[in-house]
All heavy atoms as atom14 arrays in JSON, in Angstrom:
{
  "sequence": "EYTDKFLLLDGCCRADIPVIQQFIELQLGRKFSELALVVVTH",
  "atom14_mask": [
    [1, 1, 1, 1, 1, 1, 1, 1, 1, 0, 0, 0, 0, 0],
    [1, 1, 1, 1, 1, 1, 1, 1, 1, 1, 1, 1, 0, 0],
    [1, 1, 1, 1, 1, 1, 1, 0, 0, 0, 0, 0, 0, 0],
    [1, 1, 1, 1, 1, 1, 1, 1, 0, 0, 0, 0, 0, 0],
    [1, 1, 1, 1, 1, 1, 1, 1, 1, 0, 0, 0, 0, 0],
    [1, 1, 1, 1, 1, 1, 1, 1, 1, 1, 1, 0, 0, 0],
    [1, 1, 1, 1, 1, 1, 1, 1, 0, 0, 0, 0, 0, 0],
    [1, 1, 1, 1, 1, 1, 1, 1, 0, 0, 0, 0, 0, 0],
    [1, 1, 1, 1, 1, 1, 1, 1, 0, 0, 0, 0, 0, 0],
    [1, 1, 1, 1, 1, 1, 1, 1, 0, 0, 0, 0, 0, 0],
    [1, 1, 1, 1, 0, 0, 0, 0, 0, 0, 0, 0, 0, 0],
    [1, 1, 1, 1, 1, 1, 0, 0, 0, 0, 0, 0, 0, 0],
    [1, 1, 1, 1, 1, 1, 0, 0, 0, 0, 0, 0, 0, 0],
    [1, 1, 1, 1, 1, 1, 1, 1, 1, 1, 1, 0, 0, 0],
    [1, 1, 1, 1, 1, 0, 0, 0, 0, 0, 0, 0, 0, 0],
    [1, 1, 1, 1, 1, 1, 1, 1, 0, 0, 0, 0, 0, 0],
    [1, 1, 1, 1, 1, 1, 1, 1, 0, 0, 0, 0, 0, 0],
    [1, 1, 1, 1, 1, 1, 1, 0, 0, 0, 0, 0, 0, 0],
    [1, 1, 1, 1, 1, 1, 1, 0, 0, 0, 0, 0, 0, 0],
    [1, 1, 1, 1, 1, 1, 1, 1, 0, 0, 0, 0, 0, 0],
    [1, 1, 1, 1, 1, 1, 1, 1, 1, 0, 0, 0, 0, 0],
    [1, 1, 1, 1, 1, 1, 1, 1, 1, 0, 0, 0, 0, 0],
    [1, 1, 1, 1, 1, 1, 1, 1, 1, 1, 1, 0, 0, 0],
    [1, 1, 1, 1, 1, 1, 1, 1, 0, 0, 0, 0, 0, 0],
    [1, 1, 1, 1, 1, 1, 1, 1, 1, 0, 0, 0, 0, 0],
    [1, 1, 1, 1, 1, 1, 1, 1, 0, 0, 0, 0, 0, 0],
    [1, 1, 1, 1, 1, 1, 1, 1, 1, 0, 0, 0, 0, 0],
    [1, 1, 1, 1, 1, 1, 1, 1, 0, 0, 0, 0, 0, 0],
    [1, 1, 1, 1, 0, 0, 0, 0, 0, 0, 0, 0, 0, 0],
    [1, 1, 1, 1, 1, 1, 1, 1, 1, 1, 1, 0, 0, 0],
    [1, 1, 1, 1, 1, 1, 1, 1, 1, 0, 0, 0, 0, 0],
    [1, 1, 1, 1, 1, 1, 1, 1, 1, 1, 1, 0, 0, 0],
    [1, 1, 1, 1, 1, 1, 0, 0, 0, 0, 0, 0, 0, 0],
    [1, 1, 1, 1, 1, 1, 1, 1, 1, 0, 0, 0, 0, 0],
    [1, 1, 1, 1, 1, 1, 1, 1, 0, 0, 0, 0, 0, 0],
    [1, 1, 1, 1, 1, 0, 0, 0, 0, 0, 0, 0, 0, 0],
    [1, 1, 1, 1, 1, 1, 1, 1, 0, 0, 0, 0, 0, 0],
    [1, 1, 1, 1, 1, 1, 1, 0, 0, 0, 0, 0, 0, 0],
    [1, 1, 1, 1, 1, 1, 1, 0, 0, 0, 0, 0, 0, 0],
    [1, 1, 1, 1, 1, 1, 1, 0, 0, 0, 0, 0, 0, 0],
    [1, 1, 1, 1, 1, 1, 1, 0, 0, 0, 0, 0, 0, 0],
    [1, 1, 1, 1, 1, 1, 1, 1, 1, 1, 0, 0, 0, 0]
  ],
  "atom14_positions": [
    [[-4.78, -7.07, -0.3], [-3.93, -7.74, 0.69], [-3.87, -9.25, 0.43], [-4.89, -9.9, 0.27], [-4.5, -7.51, 2.09], [-3.71, -8.2, 3.19], [-4.39, -8.11, 4.56], [-5.51, -7.56, 4.65], [-3.79, -8.63, 5.52], [0.0, 0.0, 0.0], [0.0, 0.0, 0.0], [0.0, 0.0, 0.0], [0.0, 0.0, 0.0], [0.0, 0.0, 0.0]],
    [[-2.63, -9.75, 0.37], [-2.38, -11.19, 0.35], [-1.59, -11.54, 1.61], [-1.14, -10.66, 2.35], [-1.6, -11.57, -0.9], [-2.42, -11.47, -2.18], [-2.53, -10.25, -2.85], [-3.11, -12.55, -2.67], [-3.28, -10.13, -4.01], [-3.88, -12.46, -3.83], [-3.96, -11.25, -4.49], [-4.72, -11.14, -5.63], [0.0, 0.0, 0.0], [0.0, 0.0, 0.0]],
    [[-1.38, -12.81, 1.83], [-0.7, -13.23, 3.05], [0.75, -12.76, 3.1], [1.31, -12.6, 4.19], [-0.73, -14.77, 3.18], [-0.14, -15.35, 2.01], [-2.16, -15.28, 3.36], [0.0, 0.0, 0.0], [0.0, 0.0, 0.0], [0.0, 0.0, 0.0], [0.0, 0.0, 0.0], [0.0, 0.0, 0.0], [0.0, 0.0, 0.0], [0.0, 0.0, 0.0]],
    [[1.36, -12.54, 1.95], [2.78, -12.19, 1.93], [3.1, -10.91, 1.19], [4.28, -10.54, 1.07], [3.57, -13.35, 1.29], [3.13, -13.64, -0.13], [1.99, -13.25, -0.52], [3.91, -14.26, -0.89], [0.0, 0.0, 0.0], [0.0, 0.0, 0.0], [0.0, 0.0, 0.0], [0.0, 0.0, 0.0], [0.0, 0.0, 0.0], [0.0, 0.0, 0.0]],
    [[2.09, -10.19, 0.67], [2.37, -9.0, -0.14], [1.1, -8.2, -0.36], [-0.02, -8.67, -0.07], [2.97, -9.4, -1.49], [2.08, -10.36, -2.29], [2.82, -10.91, -3.5], [1.97, -11.99, -4.2], [2.69, -12.58, -5.37], [0.0, 0.0, 0.0], [0.0, 0.0, 0.0], [0.0, 0.0, 0.0], [0.0, 0.0, 0.0], [0.0, 0.0, 0.0]],
    [[1.29, -6.99, -0.92], [0.18, -6.1, -1.23], [0.27, -5.65, -2.67], [1.36, -5.47, -3.23], [0.18, -4.87, -0.33], [-0.11, -5.13, 1.11], [0.92, -5.32, 2.01], [-1.41, -5.18, 1.59], [0.68, -5.56, 3.36], [-1.68, -5.44, 2.93], [-0.63, -5.61, 3.82], [0.0, 0.0, 0.0], [0.0, 0.0, 0.0], [0.0, 0.0, 0.0]],
    [[-0.9, -5.39, -3.25], [-1.04, -4.81, -4.59], [-1.85, -3.54, -4.46], [-2.92, -3.54, -3.82], [-1.75, -5.8, -5.52], [-2.32, -5.27, -6.83], [-1.2, -4.83, -7.78], [-3.21, -6.32, -7.5], [0.0, 0.0, 0.0], [0.0, 0.0, 0.0], [0.0, 0.0, 0.0], [0.0, 0.0, 0.0], [0.0, 0.0, 0.0], [0.0, 0.0, 0.0]],
    [[-1.38, -2.45, -5.05], [-2.11, -1.2, -5.06], [-2.65, -0.99, -6.48], [-1.88, -0.96, -7.45], [-1.21, -0.04, -4.66], [-1.86, 1.3, -4.33], [-2.84, 1.18, -3.17], [-0.79, 2.33, -3.99], [0.0, 0.0, 0.0], [0.0, 0.0, 0.0], [0.0, 0.0, 0.0], [0.0, 0.0, 0.0], [0.0, 0.0, 0.0], [0.0, 0.0, 0.0]],
    [[-3.98, -0.9, -6.59], [-4.59, -0.88, -7.91], [-4.42, 0.43, -8.67], [-4.79, 0.51, -9.84], [-6.1, -1.19, -7.81], [-6.47, -2.59, -7.32], [-7.97, -2.82, -7.45], [-5.69, -3.69, -8.04], [0.0, 0.0, 0.0], [0.0, 0.0, 0.0], [0.0, 0.0, 0.0], [0.0, 0.0, 0.0], [0.0, 0.0, 0.0], [0.0, 0.0, 0.0]],
    [[-3.88, 1.46, -8.01], [-3.62, 2.71, -8.72], [-2.57, 3.49, -7.95], [-2.28, 3.19, -6.78], [-4.89, 3.53, -8.88], [-4.99, 4.2, -10.25], [-3.92, 4.42, -10.87], [-6.1, 4.5, -10.69], [0.0, 0.0, 0.0], [0.0, 0.0, 0.0], [0.0, 0.0, 0.0], [0.0, 0.0, 0.0], [0.0, 0.0, 0.0], [0.0, 0.0, 0.0]],
    [[-2.01, 4.51, -8.62], [-0.9, 5.27, -8.05], [-1.26, 6.36, -7.07], [-0.37, 6.99, -6.49], [0.0, 0.0, 0.0], [0.0, 0.0, 0.0], [0.0, 0.0, 0.0], [0.0, 0.0, 0.0], [0.0, 0.0, 0.0], [0.0, 0.0, 0.0], [0.0, 0.0, 0.0], [0.0, 0.0, 0.0], [0.0, 0.0, 0.0], [0.0, 0.0, 0.0]],
    [[-2.56, 6.63, -6.9], [-3.06, 7.55, -5.87], [-2.47, 8.95, -5.96], [-1.81, 9.3, -6.95], [-2.81, 6.98, -4.47], [-3.46, 5.32, -4.23], [0.0, 0.0, 0.0], [0.0, 0.0, 0.0], [0.0, 0.0, 0.0], [0.0, 0.0, 0.0], [0.0, 0.0, 0.0], [0.0, 0.0, 0.0], [0.0, 0.0, 0.0], [0.0, 0.0, 0.0]],
    [[-2.74, 9.79, -4.95], [-2.16, 11.11, -4.8], [-0.9, 11.04, -3.96], [-0.76, 10.16, -3.12], [-3.13, 12.06, -4.09], [-4.52, 12.64, -5.06], [0.0, 0.0, 0.0], [0.0, 0.0, 0.0], [0.0, 0.0, 0.0], [0.0, 0.0, 0.0], [0.0, 0.0, 0.0], [0.0, 0.0, 0.0], [0.0, 0.0, 0.0], [0.0, 0.0, 0.0]],
    [[-0.04, 12.0, -4.16], [1.15, 12.09, -3.29], [0.7, 12.2, -1.84], [1.33, 11.62, -0.95], [1.97, 13.31, -3.7], [3.2, 13.51, -2.83], [4.04, 14.66, -3.31], [5.2, 14.85, -2.46], [6.36, 15.29, -2.87], [6.53, 15.59, -4.14], [7.36, 15.45, -2.04], [0.0, 0.0, 0.0], [0.0, 0.0, 0.0], [0.0, 0.0, 0.0]],
    [[-0.38, 12.89, -1.58], [-0.86, 13.08, -0.2], [-1.36, 11.78, 0.43], [-1.58, 11.74, 1.65], [-1.98, 14.13, -0.18], [0.0, 0.0, 0.0], [0.0, 0.0, 0.0], [0.0, 0.0, 0.0], [0.0, 0.0, 0.0], [0.0, 0.0, 0.0], [0.0, 0.0, 0.0], [0.0, 0.0, 0.0], [0.0, 0.0, 0.0], [0.0, 0.0, 0.0]],
    [[-1.57, 10.74, -0.37], [-2.07, 9.47, 0.15], [-0.98, 8.57, 0.73], [-1.31, 7.55, 1.35], [-2.81, 8.71, -0.94], [-4.1, 9.38, -1.37], [-4.85, 9.85, -0.5], [-4.36, 9.47, -2.59], [0.0, 0.0, 0.0], [0.0, 0.0, 0.0], [0.0, 0.0, 0.0], [0.0, 0.0, 0.0], [0.0, 0.0, 0.0], [0.0, 0.0, 0.0]],
    [[0.28, 8.91, 0.54], [1.36, 8.01, 0.98], [1.29, 7.71, 2.47], [1.32, 6.55, 2.87], [2.73, 8.59, 0.57], [2.86, 8.59, -0.97], [3.87, 7.78, 1.2], [4.09, 9.31, -1.48], [0.0, 0.0, 0.0], [0.0, 0.0, 0.0], [0.0, 0.0, 0.0], [0.0, 0.0, 0.0], [0.0, 0.0, 0.0], [0.0, 0.0, 0.0]],
    [[1.17, 8.71, 3.36], [1.08, 8.37, 4.78], [-0.18, 7.6, 5.13], [-0.18, 6.79, 6.06], [1.1, 9.74, 5.47], [0.75, 10.74, 4.43], [1.25, 10.18, 3.14], [0.0, 0.0, 0.0], [0.0, 0.0, 0.0], [0.0, 0.0, 0.0], [0.0, 0.0, 0.0], [0.0, 0.0, 0.0], [0.0, 0.0, 0.0], [0.0, 0.0, 0.0]],
    [[-1.26, 7.82, 4.39], [-2.51, 7.06, 4.63], [-2.28, 5.58, 4.34], [-2.68, 4.71, 5.12], [-3.65, 7.62, 3.75], [-4.9, 6.76, 3.88], [-3.96, 9.06, 4.11], [0.0, 0.0, 0.0], [0.0, 0.0, 0.0], [0.0, 0.0, 0.0], [0.0, 0.0, 0.0], [0.0, 0.0, 0.0], [0.0, 0.0, 0.0], [0.0, 0.0, 0.0]],
    [[-1.64, 5.31, 3.21], [-1.36, 3.91, 2.85], [-0.41, 3.26, 3.85], [-0.63, 2.12, 4.3], [-0.75, 3.85, 1.43], [-1.75, 4.39, 0.4], [-0.34, 2.43, 1.06], [-1.15, 4.68, -0.97], [0.0, 0.0, 0.0], [0.0, 0.0, 0.0], [0.0, 0.0, 0.0], [0.0, 0.0, 0.0], [0.0, 0.0, 0.0], [0.0, 0.0, 0.0]],
    [[0.65, 3.98, 4.22], [1.61, 3.45, 5.16], [0.96, 3.16, 6.53], [1.16, 2.07, 7.1], [2.79, 4.4, 5.35], [3.85, 3.86, 6.3], [5.1, 4.74, 6.36], [5.14, 5.81, 5.77], [6.11, 4.28, 7.07], [0.0, 0.0, 0.0], [0.0, 0.0, 0.0], [0.0, 0.0, 0.0], [0.0, 0.0, 0.0], [0.0, 0.0, 0.0]],
    [[0.19, 4.1, 7.03], [-0.46, 3.91, 8.33], [-1.46, 2.77, 8.3], [-1.58, 2.0, 9.26], [-1.12, 5.21, 8.77], [-0.14, 6.3, 9.17], [-0.8, 7.65, 9.36], [-2.01, 7.73, 9.6], [-0.02, 8.71, 9.25], [0.0, 0.0, 0.0], [0.0, 0.0, 0.0], [0.0, 0.0, 0.0], [0.0, 0.0, 0.0], [0.0, 0.0, 0.0]],
    [[-2.16, 2.63, 7.18], [-3.13, 1.53, 7.1], [-2.43, 0.19, 7.14], [-2.86, -0.75, 7.86], [-3.97, 1.66, 5.83], [-5.1, 0.68, 5.75], [-6.31, 0.94, 6.37], [-4.94, -0.55, 5.12], [-7.35, 0.04, 6.35], [-5.98, -1.47, 5.09], [-7.18, -1.18, 5.71], [0.0, 0.0, 0.0], [0.0, 0.0, 0.0], [0.0, 0.0, 0.0]],
    [[-1.35, 0.04, 6.38], [-0.62, -1.22, 6.34], [0.02, -1.53, 7.69], [-0.1, -2.65, 8.22], [0.44, -1.2, 5.22], [-0.24, -1.23, 3.83], [1.4, -2.39, 5.35], [0.73, -1.07, 2.67], [0.0, 0.0, 0.0], [0.0, 0.0, 0.0], [0.0, 0.0, 0.0], [0.0, 0.0, 0.0], [0.0, 0.0, 0.0], [0.0, 0.0, 0.0]],
    [[0.66, -0.52, 8.28], [1.43, -0.77, 9.5], [0.55, -0.79, 10.75], [0.72, -1.66, 11.62], [2.51, 0.3, 9.64], [3.59, 0.2, 8.57], [4.69, 1.24, 8.73], [4.46, 2.22, 9.47], [5.76, 1.06, 8.11], [0.0, 0.0, 0.0], [0.0, 0.0, 0.0], [0.0, 0.0, 0.0], [0.0, 0.0, 0.0], [0.0, 0.0, 0.0]],
    [[-0.38, 0.15, 10.86], [-1.16, 0.28, 12.09], [-2.45, -0.53, 12.06], [-2.79, -1.22, 13.04], [-1.48, 1.75, 12.37], [-0.26, 2.67, 12.51], [-0.7, 4.09, 12.82], [0.69, 2.14, 13.6], [0.0, 0.0, 0.0], [0.0, 0.0, 0.0], [0.0, 0.0, 0.0], [0.0, 0.0, 0.0], [0.0, 0.0, 0.0], [0.0, 0.0, 0.0]],
    [[-3.18, -0.47, 10.96], [-4.44, -1.2, 10.88], [-4.23, -2.69, 10.66], [-4.93, -3.52, 11.26], [-5.29, -0.64, 9.71], [-5.73, 0.79, 9.88], [-7.03, 0.92, 10.67], [-7.37, 0.05, 11.44], [-7.74, 2.0, 10.45], [0.0, 0.0, 0.0], [0.0, 0.0, 0.0], [0.0, 0.0, 0.0], [0.0, 0.0, 0.0], [0.0, 0.0, 0.0]],
    [[-3.27, -3.03, 9.82], [-3.07, -4.44, 9.47], [-1.9, -5.08, 10.21], [-1.77, -6.31, 10.2], [-2.86, -4.59, 7.95], [-4.0, -4.06, 7.08], [-3.66, -4.26, 5.61], [-5.32, -4.76, 7.41], [0.0, 0.0, 0.0], [0.0, 0.0, 0.0], [0.0, 0.0, 0.0], [0.0, 0.0, 0.0], [0.0, 0.0, 0.0], [0.0, 0.0, 0.0]],
    [[-1.03, -4.27, 10.82], [0.1, -4.81, 11.53], [1.12, -5.47, 10.63], [1.78, -6.44, 11.02], [0.0, 0.0, 0.0], [0.0, 0.0, 0.0], [0.0, 0.0, 0.0], [0.0, 0.0, 0.0], [0.0, 0.0, 0.0], [0.0, 0.0, 0.0], [0.0, 0.0, 0.0], [0.0, 0.0, 0.0], [0.0, 0.0, 0.0], [0.0, 0.0, 0.0]],
    [[1.24, -4.96, 9.42], [2.15, -5.53, 8.43], [3.26, -4.54, 8.13], [3.25, -3.4, 8.58], [1.39, -5.87, 7.13], [0.22, -6.86, 7.31], [0.67, -8.29, 7.27], [1.23, -8.61, 5.96], [0.5, -9.05, 4.92], [-0.83, -9.19, 5.04], [1.08, -9.35, 3.78], [0.0, 0.0, 0.0], [0.0, 0.0, 0.0], [0.0, 0.0, 0.0]],
    [[4.25, -4.94, 7.33], [5.36, -4.08, 6.97], [5.03, -3.31, 5.7], [4.47, -3.86, 4.74], [6.62, -4.92, 6.73], [7.14, -5.61, 7.98], [8.39, -6.43, 7.66], [8.91, -7.15, 8.9], [10.11, -7.99, 8.57], [0.0, 0.0, 0.0], [0.0, 0.0, 0.0], [0.0, 0.0, 0.0], [0.0, 0.0, 0.0], [0.0, 0.0, 0.0]],
    [[5.39, -2.03, 5.71], [5.18, -1.17, 4.52], [5.93, -1.74, 3.32], [5.49, -1.64, 2.19], [5.67, 0.24, 4.85], [5.19, 1.3, 3.89], [3.98, 1.19, 3.22], [5.95, 2.46, 3.7], [3.56, 2.19, 2.35], [5.53, 3.46, 2.85], [4.33, 3.33, 2.17], [0.0, 0.0, 0.0], [0.0, 0.0, 0.0], [0.0, 0.0, 0.0]],
    [[7.07, -2.38, 3.57], [7.88, -2.95, 2.5], [7.22, -4.15, 1.82], [7.73, -4.64, 0.81], [9.25, -3.36, 3.05], [9.11, -4.32, 4.09], [0.0, 0.0, 0.0], [0.0, 0.0, 0.0], [0.0, 0.0, 0.0], [0.0, 0.0, 0.0], [0.0, 0.0, 0.0], [0.0, 0.0, 0.0], [0.0, 0.0, 0.0], [0.0, 0.0, 0.0]],
    [[6.11, -4.61, 2.37], [5.38, -5.73, 1.72], [4.56, -5.26, 0.52], [4.0, -6.09, -0.19], [4.48, -6.43, 2.73], [5.23, -7.21, 3.79], [4.31, -7.92, 4.76], [3.72, -8.95, 4.38], [4.16, -7.44, 5.9], [0.0, 0.0, 0.0], [0.0, 0.0, 0.0], [0.0, 0.0, 0.0], [0.0, 0.0, 0.0], [0.0, 0.0, 0.0]],
    [[4.48, -3.94, 0.32], [3.85, -3.43, -0.89], [4.73, -3.86, -2.07], [5.86, -3.43, -2.2], [3.73, -1.9, -0.84], [3.07, -1.24, -2.05], [1.62, -1.7, -2.21], [3.11, 0.27, -1.93], [0.0, 0.0, 0.0], [0.0, 0.0, 0.0], [0.0, 0.0, 0.0], [0.0, 0.0, 0.0], [0.0, 0.0, 0.0], [0.0, 0.0, 0.0]],
    [[4.16, -4.71, -2.94], [4.96, -5.34, -3.99], [4.78, -4.7, -5.35], [5.72, -4.65, -6.13], [4.64, -6.84, -4.06], [0.0, 0.0, 0.0], [0.0, 0.0, 0.0], [0.0, 0.0, 0.0], [0.0, 0.0, 0.0], [0.0, 0.0, 0.0], [0.0, 0.0, 0.0], [0.0, 0.0, 0.0], [0.0, 0.0, 0.0], [0.0, 0.0, 0.0]],
    [[3.57, -4.26, -5.65], [3.3, -3.73, -7.0], [2.29, -2.6, -6.93], [1.27, -2.71, -6.24], [2.76, -4.85, -7.89], [2.47, -4.46, -9.36], [3.76, -4.15, -10.11], [1.73, -5.59, -10.07], [0.0, 0.0, 0.0], [0.0, 0.0, 0.0], [0.0, 0.0, 0.0], [0.0, 0.0, 0.0], [0.0, 0.0, 0.0], [0.0, 0.0, 0.0]],
    [[2.57, -1.53, -7.66], [1.65, -0.41, -7.84], [1.36, -0.32, -9.34], [2.3, -0.22, -10.14], [2.24, 0.92, -7.35], [1.29, 2.07, -7.64], [2.54, 0.84, -5.86], [0.0, 0.0, 0.0], [0.0, 0.0, 0.0], [0.0, 0.0, 0.0], [0.0, 0.0, 0.0], [0.0, 0.0, 0.0], [0.0, 0.0, 0.0], [0.0, 0.0, 0.0]],
    [[0.09, -0.37, -9.69], [-0.3, -0.18, -11.09], [-0.74, 1.28, -11.27], [-1.57, 1.76, -10.5], [-1.44, -1.12, -11.51], [-1.79, -0.91, -12.98], [-1.08, -2.58, -11.24], [0.0, 0.0, 0.0], [0.0, 0.0, 0.0], [0.0, 0.0, 0.0], [0.0, 0.0, 0.0], [0.0, 0.0, 0.0], [0.0, 0.0, 0.0], [0.0, 0.0, 0.0]],
    [[-0.16, 1.96, -12.24], [-0.57, 3.33, -12.56], [-1.51, 3.24, -13.76], [-1.09, 2.89, -14.87], [0.67, 4.21, -12.89], [0.22, 5.56, -13.42], [1.54, 4.35, -11.65], [0.0, 0.0, 0.0], [0.0, 0.0, 0.0], [0.0, 0.0, 0.0], [0.0, 0.0, 0.0], [0.0, 0.0, 0.0], [0.0, 0.0, 0.0], [0.0, 0.0, 0.0]],
    [[-2.79, 3.54, -13.53], [-3.77, 3.39, -14.61], [-3.69, 4.51, -15.63], [-4.02, 4.32, -16.8], [-5.2, 3.33, -14.06], [-5.53, 4.57, -13.4], [-5.37, 2.16, -13.11], [0.0, 0.0, 0.0], [0.0, 0.0, 0.0], [0.0, 0.0, 0.0], [0.0, 0.0, 0.0], [0.0, 0.0, 0.0], [0.0, 0.0, 0.0], [0.0, 0.0, 0.0]],
    [[-3.25, 5.68, -15.22], [-2.95, 6.79, -16.12], [-2.22, 7.85, -15.3], [-2.05, 7.68, -14.08], [-4.21, 7.34, -16.81], [-5.27, 7.87, -15.89], [-6.04, 7.06, -15.09], [-5.72, 9.15, -15.66], [-6.91, 7.8, -14.41], [-6.72, 9.06, -14.73], [0.0, 0.0, 0.0], [0.0, 0.0, 0.0], [0.0, 0.0, 0.0], [0.0, 0.0, 0.0]]
  ]
}
């Protein structure tokens, strides 16, 4: 988490998408669209 954007260090599982969205929106009170970069390690 940065003040204006988010970085995801890996591409996760498809099942993790709602977990990531809920964490950003509900836990942090931020916009899901602030996710700026996803790195896929493999």
